[in-house]
PDB file of N, CA and C in Angstrom:
ATOM      1  N   MET A   1       2.440  -2.798 -11.477  1.00  0.00           N
ATOM      2  CA  MET A   1       2.942  -2.081 -10.315  1.00  0.00           C
ATOM      3  C   MET A   1       4.230  -2.754  -9.845  1.00  0.00           C
ATOM      4  N   PHE A   2       5.130  -1.990  -9.297  1.00  0.00           N
ATOM      5  CA  PHE A   2       6.403  -2.505  -8.804  1.00  0.00           C
ATOM      6  C   PHE A   2       6.891  -1.626  -7.666  1.00  0.00           C
ATOM      7  N   ILE A   3       7.807  -2.166  -6.885  1.00  0.00           N
ATOM      8  CA  ILE A   3       8.523  -1.410  -5.859  1.00  0.00           C
ATOM      9  C   ILE A   3       9.978  -1.385  -6.293  1.00  0.00           C
ATOM     10  N   GLN A   4      10.567  -0.211  -6.249  1.00  0.00           N
ATOM     11  CA  GLN A   4      11.961  -0.086  -6.673  1.00  0.00           C
ATOM     12  C   GLN A   4      12.731   0.781  -5.692  1.00  0.00           C
ATOM     13  N   THR A   5      13.909   0.319  -5.304  1.00  0.00           N
ATOM     14  CA  THR A   5      14.827   1.151  -4.531  1.00  0.00           C
ATOM     15  C   THR A   5      16.032   1.443  -5.411  1.00  0.00           C
ATOM     16  N   LYS A   6      16.585   2.616  -5.223  1.00  0.00           N
ATOM     17  CA  LYS A   6      17.773   2.982  -5.997  1.00  0.00           C
ATOM     18  C   LYS A   6      18.800   3.597  -5.055  1.00  0.00           C
ATOM     19  N   ASP A   7      19.935   2.928  -4.948  1.00  0.00           N
ATOM     20  CA  ASP A   7      21.073   3.421  -4.158  1.00  0.00           C
ATOM     21  C   ASP A   7      20.692   3.779  -2.716  1.00  0.00           C
ATOM     22  N   LEU A   8      19.882   2.924  -2.069  1.00  0.00           N
ATOM     23  CA  LEU A   8      19.493   3.179  -0.682  1.00  0.00           C
ATOM     24  C   LEU A   8      20.697   3.085   0.243  1.00  0.00           C
ATOM     25  N   VAL A   9      20.826   4.082   1.098  1.00  0.00           N
ATOM     26  CA  VAL A   9      21.900   4.122   2.091  1.00  0.00           C
ATOM     27  C   VAL A   9      21.276   4.462   3.434  1.00  0.00           C
ATOM     28  N   LYS A  10      21.716   3.767   4.480  1.00  0.00           N
ATOM     29  CA  LYS A  10      21.331   4.113   5.848  1.00  0.00           C
ATOM     30  C   LYS A  10      22.599   4.157   6.672  1.00  0.00           C
ATOM     31  N   THR A  11      22.811   5.290   7.321  1.00  0.00           N
ATOM     32  CA  THR A  11      24.000   5.496   8.136  1.00  0.00           C
ATOM     33  C   THR A  11      23.581   5.827   9.561  1.00  0.00           C
ATOM     34  N   TYR A  12      24.178   5.141  10.525  1.00  0.00           N
ATOM     35  CA  TYR A  12      24.021   5.467  11.941  1.00  0.00           C
ATOM     36  C   TYR A  12      25.367   5.982  12.422  1.00  0.00           C
ATOM     37  N   LYS A  13      25.369   7.242  12.861  1.00  0.00           N
ATOM     38  CA  LYS A  13      26.616   7.930  13.203  1.00  0.00           C
ATOM     39  C   LYS A  13      27.520   7.892  11.980  1.00  0.00           C
ATOM     40  N   SER A  14      28.649   7.234  12.027  1.00  0.00           N
ATOM     41  CA  SER A  14      29.526   7.197  10.844  1.00  0.00           C
ATOM     42  C   SER A  14      29.555   5.817  10.197  1.00  0.00           C
ATOM     43  N   ARG A  15      28.638   4.931  10.611  1.00  0.00           N
ATOM     44  CA  ARG A  15      28.651   3.557  10.098  1.00  0.00           C
ATOM     45  C   ARG A  15      27.524   3.332   9.090  1.00  0.00           C
ATOM     46  N   ASN A  16      27.898   2.898   7.882  1.00  0.00           N
ATOM     47  CA  ASN A  16      26.901   2.524   6.874  1.00  0.00           C
ATOM     48  C   ASN A  16      26.383   1.128   7.197  1.00  0.00           C
ATOM     49  N   VAL A  17      25.079   1.017   7.446  1.00  0.00           N
ATOM     50  CA  VAL A  17      24.498  -0.306   7.694  1.00  0.00           C
ATOM     51  C   VAL A  17      23.811  -0.837   6.442  1.00  0.00           C
ATOM     52  N   VAL A  18      23.447   0.062   5.539  1.00  0.00           N
ATOM     53  CA  VAL A  18      22.948  -0.299   4.206  1.00  0.00           C
ATOM     54  C   VAL A  18      23.708   0.595   3.236  1.00  0.00           C
ATOM     55  N   ASP A  19      24.293  -0.004   2.204  1.00  0.00           N
ATOM     56  CA  ASP A  19      25.172   0.760   1.315  1.00  0.00           C
ATOM     57  C   ASP A  19      24.782   0.566  -0.149  1.00  0.00           C
ATOM     58  N   LYS A  20      24.039   1.522  -0.684  1.00  0.00           N
ATOM     59  CA  LYS A  20      23.668   1.579  -2.103  1.00  0.00           C
ATOM     60  C   LYS A  20      22.917   0.337  -2.588  1.00  0.00           C
ATOM     61  N   VAL A  21      21.830   0.004  -1.907  1.00  0.00           N
ATOM     62  CA  VAL A  21      21.004  -1.144  -2.298  1.00  0.00           C
ATOM     63  C   VAL A  21      20.006  -0.702  -3.360  1.00  0.00           C
ATOM     64  N   SER A  22      20.032  -1.368  -4.499  1.00  0.00           N
ATOM     65  CA  SER A  22      19.079  -1.130  -5.582  1.00  0.00           C
ATOM     66  C   SER A  22      18.395  -2.448  -5.907  1.00  0.00           C
ATOM     67  N   VAL A  23      17.068  -2.425  -5.912  1.00  0.00           N
ATOM     68  CA  VAL A  23      16.297  -3.636  -6.204  1.00  0.00           C
ATOM     69  C   VAL A  23      14.961  -3.227  -6.818  1.00  0.00           C
ATOM     70  N   ARG A  24      14.450  -4.072  -7.676  1.00  0.00           N
ATOM     71  CA  ARG A  24      13.124  -3.844  -8.263  1.00  0.00           C
ATOM     72  C   ARG A  24      12.326  -5.130  -8.096  1.00  0.00           C
ATOM     73  N   VAL A  25      11.137  -5.019  -7.506  1.00  0.00           N
ATOM     74  CA  VAL A  25      10.265  -6.166  -7.262  1.00  0.00           C
ATOM     75  C   VAL A  25       8.947  -5.915  -7.982  1.00  0.00           C
ATOM     76  N   GLU A  26       8.621  -6.801  -8.894  1.00  0.00           N
ATOM     77  CA  GLU A  26       7.378  -6.690  -9.656  1.00  0.00           C
ATOM     78  C   GLU A  26       6.209  -7.242  -8.842  1.00  0.00           C
ATOM     79  N   GLU A  27       5.005  -6.787  -9.149  1.00  0.00           N
ATOM     80  CA  GLU A  27       3.801  -7.275  -8.482  1.00  0.00           C
ATOM     81  C   GLU A  27       3.703  -8.792  -8.635  1.00  0.00           C
ATOM     82  N   GLY A  28       3.427  -9.490  -7.529  1.00  0.00           N
ATOM     83  CA  GLY A  28       3.294 -10.938  -7.539  1.00  0.00           C
ATOM     84  C   GLY A  28       4.602 -11.683  -7.354  1.00  0.00           C
ATOM     85  N   GLU A  29       5.702 -10.976  -7.423  1.00  0.00           N
ATOM     86  CA  GLU A  29       7.023 -11.593  -7.266  1.00  0.00           C
ATOM     87  C   GLU A  29       7.323 -11.782  -5.777  1.00  0.00           C
ATOM     88  N   ILE A  30       7.975 -12.878  -5.433  1.00  0.00           N
ATOM     89  CA  ILE A  30       8.386 -13.144  -4.057  1.00  0.00           C
ATOM     90  C   ILE A  30       9.902 -13.034  -4.000  1.00  0.00           C
ATOM     91  N   VAL A  31      10.384 -12.207  -3.078  1.00  0.00           N
ATOM     92  CA  VAL A  31      11.816 -11.939  -2.981  1.00  0.00           C
ATOM     93  C   VAL A  31      12.260 -12.106  -1.536  1.00  0.00           C
ATOM     94  N   GLY A  32      13.411 -12.702  -1.336  1.00  0.00           N
ATOM     95  CA  GLY A  32      14.000 -12.817  -0.005  1.00  0.00           C
ATOM     96  C   GLY A  32      15.348 -12.129   0.027  1.00  0.00           C
ATOM     97  N   LEU A  33      15.668 -11.525   1.157  1.00  0.00           N
ATOM     98  CA  LEU A  33      16.986 -10.921   1.354  1.00  0.00           C
ATOM     99  C   LEU A  33      17.791 -11.856   2.242  1.00  0.00           C
ATOM    100  N   LEU A  34      18.930 -12.290   1.754  1.00  0.00           N
ATOM    101  CA  LEU A  34      19.781 -13.215   2.496  1.00  0.00           C
ATOM    102  C   LEU A  34      21.069 -12.527   2.910  1.00  0.00           C
ATOM    103  N   GLY A  35      21.533 -12.854   4.096  1.00  0.00           N
ATOM    104  CA  GLY A  35      22.801 -12.320   4.566  1.00  0.00           C
ATOM    105  C   GLY A  35      22.967 -12.598   6.039  1.00  0.00           C
ATOM    106  N   PRO A  36      24.171 -12.413   6.543  1.00  0.00           N
ATOM    107  CA  PRO A  36      24.434 -12.668   7.958  1.00  0.00           C
ATOM    108  C   PRO A  36      23.797 -11.605   8.851  1.00  0.00           C
ATOM    109  N   ASN A  37      23.796 -11.872  10.149  1.00  0.00           N
ATOM    110  CA  ASN A  37      23.313 -10.884  11.117  1.00  0.00           C
ATOM    111  C   ASN A  37      24.065  -9.572  10.912  1.00  0.00           C
ATOM    112  N   GLY A  38      23.328  -8.479  10.950  1.00  0.00           N
ATOM    113  CA  GLY A  38      23.956  -7.173  10.808  1.00  0.00           C
ATOM    114  C   GLY A  38      24.221  -6.740   9.378  1.00  0.00           C
ATOM    115  N   ALA A  39      23.703  -7.488   8.399  1.00  0.00           N
ATOM    116  CA  ALA A  39      23.966  -7.156   6.995  1.00  0.00           C
ATOM    117  C   ALA A  39      23.066  -6.035   6.469  1.00  0.00           C
ATOM    118  N   GLY A  40      22.015  -5.672   7.211  1.00  0.00           N
ATOM    119  CA  GLY A  40      21.129  -4.589   6.786  1.00  0.00           C
ATOM    120  C   GLY A  40      19.819  -5.042   6.167  1.00  0.00           C
ATOM    121  N   LYS A  41      19.482  -6.311   6.290  1.00  0.00           N
ATOM    122  CA  LYS A  41      18.242  -6.839   5.685  1.00  0.00           C
ATOM    123  C   LYS A  41      17.005  -6.181   6.291  1.00  0.00           C
ATOM    124  N   THR A  42      16.911  -6.185   7.608  1.00  0.00           N
ATOM    125  CA  THR A  42      15.748  -5.606   8.283  1.00  0.00           C
ATOM    126  C   THR A  42      15.701  -4.104   8.074  1.00  0.00           C
ATOM    127  N   THR A  43      16.830  -3.437   8.137  1.00  0.00           N
ATOM    128  CA  THR A  43      16.874  -1.990   7.919  1.00  0.00           C
ATOM    129  C   THR A  43      16.400  -1.642   6.517  1.00  0.00           C
ATOM    130  N   THR A  44      16.788  -2.427   5.530  1.00  0.00           N
ATOM    131  CA  THR A  44      16.325  -2.202   4.158  1.00  0.00           C
ATOM    132  C   THR A  44      14.809  -2.328   4.089  1.00  0.00           C
ATOM    133  N   PHE A  45      14.264  -3.379   4.690  1.00  0.00           N
ATOM    134  CA  PHE A  45      12.814  -3.566   4.721  1.00  0.00           C
ATOM    135  C   PHE A  45      12.141  -2.393   5.436  1.00  0.00           C
ATOM    136  N   TYR A  46      12.669  -1.980   6.572  1.00  0.00           N
ATOM    137  CA  TYR A  46      12.089  -0.863   7.321  1.00  0.00           C
ATOM    138  C   TYR A  46      12.082   0.427   6.499  1.00  0.00           C
ATOM    139  N   MET A  47      13.107   0.649   5.708  1.00  0.00           N
ATOM    140  CA  MET A  47      13.119   1.846   4.861  1.00  0.00           C
ATOM    141  C   MET A  47      12.041   1.755   3.787  1.00  0.00           C
ATOM    142  N   ILE A  48      11.851   0.577   3.206  1.00  0.00           N
ATOM    143  CA  ILE A  48      10.846   0.414   2.154  1.00  0.00           C
ATOM    144  C   ILE A  48       9.442   0.669   2.692  1.00  0.00           C
ATOM    145  N   VAL A  49       9.131   0.157   3.892  1.00  0.00           N
ATOM    146  CA  VAL A  49       7.778   0.324   4.437  1.00  0.00           C
ATOM    147  C   VAL A  49       7.587   1.653   5.160  1.00  0.00           C
ATOM    148  N   GLY A  50       8.679   2.373   5.449  1.00  0.00           N
ATOM    149  CA  GLY A  50       8.561   3.692   6.048  1.00  0.00           C
ATOM    150  C   GLY A  50       8.832   3.769   7.532  1.00  0.00           C
ATOM    151  N   VAL A  51       9.297   2.693   8.145  1.00  0.00           N
ATOM    152  CA  VAL A  51       9.646   2.718   9.567  1.00  0.00           C
ATOM    153  C   VAL A  51      10.910   3.543   9.783  1.00  0.00           C
ATOM    154  N   GLU A  52      11.887   3.378   8.912  1.00  0.00           N
ATOM    155  CA  GLU A  52      13.152   4.124   8.951  1.00  0.00           C
ATOM    156  C   GLU A  52      13.242   5.032   7.730  1.00  0.00           C
ATOM    157  N   LYS A  53      13.921   6.155   7.880  1.00  0.00           N
ATOM    158  CA  LYS A  53      14.166   7.050   6.749  1.00  0.00           C
ATOM    159  C   LYS A  53      15.561   6.772   6.196  1.00  0.00           C
ATOM    160  N   PRO A  54      15.688   6.654   4.883  1.00  0.00           N
ATOM    161  CA  PRO A  54      17.025   6.443   4.319  1.00  0.00           C
ATOM    162  C   PRO A  54      17.890   7.695   4.457  1.00  0.00           C
ATOM    163  N   SER A  55      19.185   7.489   4.597  1.00  0.00           N
ATOM    164  CA  SER A  55      20.123   8.616   4.616  1.00  0.00           C
ATOM    165  C   SER A  55      20.250   9.210   3.220  1.00  0.00           C
ATOM    166  N   SER A  56      20.157   8.355   2.205  1.00  0.00           N
ATOM    167  CA  SER A  56      20.123   8.797   0.814  1.00  0.00           C
ATOM    168  C   SER A  56      19.548   7.676  -0.037  1.00  0.00           C
ATOM    169  N   GLY A  57      19.290   7.989  -1.293  1.00  0.00           N
ATOM    170  CA  GLY A  57      18.675   7.030  -2.203  1.00  0.00           C
ATOM    171  C   GLY A  57      17.188   7.292  -2.345  1.00  0.00           C
ATOM    172  N   SER A  58      16.507   6.435  -3.114  1.00  0.00           N
ATOM    173  CA  SER A  58      15.080   6.649  -3.354  1.00  0.00           C
ATOM    174  C   SER A  58      14.310   5.337  -3.325  1.00  0.00           C
ATOM    175  N   ILE A  59      13.010   5.472  -3.026  1.00  0.00           N
ATOM    176  CA  ILE A  59      12.076   4.348  -3.000  1.00  0.00           C
ATOM    177  C   ILE A  59      10.863   4.767  -3.815  1.00  0.00           C
ATOM    178  N   CYS A  60      10.520   3.963  -4.819  1.00  0.00           N
ATOM    179  CA  CYS A  60       9.368   4.267  -5.669  1.00  0.00           C
ATOM    180  C   CYS A  60       8.403   3.098  -5.676  1.00  0.00           C
ATOM    181  N   ILE A  61       7.127   3.425  -5.707  1.00  0.00           N
ATOM    182  CA  ILE A  61       6.075   2.438  -5.927  1.00  0.00           C
ATOM    183  C   ILE A  61       5.442   2.835  -7.250  1.00  0.00           C
ATOM    184  N   GLY A  62       5.657   2.029  -8.263  1.00  0.00           N
ATOM    185  CA  GLY A  62       5.279   2.440  -9.608  1.00  0.00           C
ATOM    186  C   GLY A  62       6.101   3.663  -9.963  1.00  0.00           C
ATOM    187  N   ASP A  63       5.439   4.701 -10.431  1.00  0.00           N
ATOM    188  CA  ASP A  63       6.134   5.934 -10.798  1.00  0.00           C
ATOM    189  C   ASP A  63       6.102   6.980  -9.689  1.00  0.00           C
ATOM    190  N   VAL A  64       5.630   6.594  -8.497  1.00  0.00           N
ATOM    191  CA  VAL A  64       5.492   7.535  -7.384  1.00  0.00           C
ATOM    192  C   VAL A  64       6.672   7.395  -6.424  1.00  0.00           C
ATOM    193  N   ASP A  65       7.365   8.496  -6.184  1.00  0.00           N
ATOM    194  CA  ASP A  65       8.473   8.501  -5.229  1.00  0.00           C
ATOM    195  C   ASP A  65       7.886   8.608  -3.821  1.00  0.00           C
ATOM    196  N   VAL A  66       8.080   7.567  -3.016  1.00  0.00           N
ATOM    197  CA  VAL A  66       7.539   7.536  -1.653  1.00  0.00           C
ATOM    198  C   VAL A  66       8.646   7.659  -0.604  1.00  0.00           C
ATOM    199  N   THR A  67       9.836   8.033  -1.022  1.00  0.00           N
ATOM    200  CA  THR A  67      11.000   8.068  -0.136  1.00  0.00           C
ATOM    201  C   THR A  67      10.727   8.847   1.144  1.00  0.00           C
ATOM    202  N   HIS A  68      10.074   9.983   1.046  1.00  0.00           N
ATOM    203  CA  HIS A  68       9.847  10.838   2.213  1.00  0.00           C
ATOM    204  C   HIS A  68       8.392  10.803   2.679  1.00  0.00           C
ATOM    205  N   MET A  69       7.632   9.849   2.166  1.00  0.00           N
ATOM    206  CA  MET A  69       6.219   9.718   2.503  1.00  0.00           C
ATOM    207  C   MET A  69       6.068   8.908   3.796  1.00  0.00           C
ATOM    208  N   PRO A  70       5.214   9.351   4.730  1.00  0.00           N
ATOM    209  CA  PRO A  70       5.016   8.575   5.961  1.00  0.00           C
ATOM    210  C   PRO A  70       4.299   7.248   5.685  1.00  0.00           C
ATOM    211  N   MET A  71       4.387   6.338   6.654  1.00  0.00           N
ATOM    212  CA  MET A  71       3.804   4.997   6.502  1.00  0.00           C
ATOM    213  C   MET A  71       2.325   5.037   6.129  1.00  0.00           C
ATOM    214  N   TYR A  72       1.552   5.894   6.793  1.00  0.00           N
ATOM    215  CA  TYR A  72       0.109   5.888   6.550  1.00  0.00           C
ATOM    216  C   TYR A  72      -0.231   6.296   5.118  1.00  0.00           C
ATOM    217  N   LYS A  73       0.597   7.106   4.483  1.00  0.00           N
ATOM    218  CA  LYS A  73       0.348   7.464   3.084  1.00  0.00           C
ATOM    219  C   LYS A  73       0.803   6.359   2.133  1.00  0.00           C
ATOM    220  N   ARG A  74       1.839   5.632   2.505  1.00  0.00           N
ATOM    221  CA  ARG A  74       2.299   4.513   1.676  1.00  0.00           C
ATOM    222  C   ARG A  74       1.242   3.415   1.613  1.00  0.00           C
ATOM    223  N   SER A  75       0.414   3.318   2.644  1.00  0.00           N
ATOM    224  CA  SER A  75      -0.616   2.271   2.661  1.00  0.00           C
ATOM    225  C   SER A  75      -1.598   2.427   1.505  1.00  0.00           C
ATOM    226  N   ALA A  76      -1.779   3.633   1.008  1.00  0.00           N
ATOM    227  CA  ALA A  76      -2.661   3.853  -0.146  1.00  0.00           C
ATOM    228  C   ALA A  76      -2.112   3.182  -1.403  1.00  0.00           C
ATOM    229  N   TYR A  77      -0.816   2.866  -1.391  1.00  0.00           N
ATOM    230  CA  TYR A  77      -0.178   2.197  -2.530  1.00  0.00           C
ATOM    231  C   TYR A  77       0.027   0.703  -2.271  1.00  0.00           C
ATOM    232  N   GLY A  78      -0.555   0.205  -1.173  1.00  0.00           N
ATOM    233  CA  GLY A  78      -0.492  -1.227  -0.884  1.00  0.00           C
ATOM    234  C   GLY A  78       0.692  -1.667  -0.049  1.00  0.00           C
ATOM    235  N   ILE A  79       1.410  -0.716   0.544  1.00  0.00           N
ATOM    236  CA  ILE A  79       2.551  -1.048   1.403  1.00  0.00           C
ATOM    237  C   ILE A  79       2.114  -0.932   2.852  1.00  0.00           C
ATOM    238  N   GLY A  80       2.340  -1.979   3.628  1.00  0.00           N
ATOM    239  CA  GLY A  80       1.972  -1.947   5.039  1.00  0.00           C
ATOM    240  C   GLY A  80       2.891  -2.802   5.872  1.00  0.00           C
ATOM    241  N   TYR A  81       2.890  -2.533   7.173  1.00  0.00           N
ATOM    242  CA  TYR A  81       3.711  -3.295   8.108  1.00  0.00           C
ATOM    243  C   TYR A  81       2.986  -3.337   9.443  1.00  0.00           C
ATOM    244  N   LEU A  82       2.847  -4.534   9.981  1.00  0.00           N
ATOM    245  CA  LEU A  82       2.207  -4.693  11.297  1.00  0.00           C
ATOM    246  C   LEU A  82       3.198  -5.235  12.288  1.00  0.00           C
TER     247      LEU A  82
END
């Protein structure tokens, strides 16, 4: 199982806060996002868990596209946020 994002973009008004982020994380892998304040780290995480909706791009868990799936449905695939 893996989590993969492809070309994730989040725009607020006319400002891109996340610009084409693509990452693949395998099961058991530990990954950290590094960057200065305002770089889009938290927004990227929020899009993956379903708190925020991406402006464009995709999020997959295994072969399942969860980009437009609400948080409670993503939990069936092991994704959660408290």
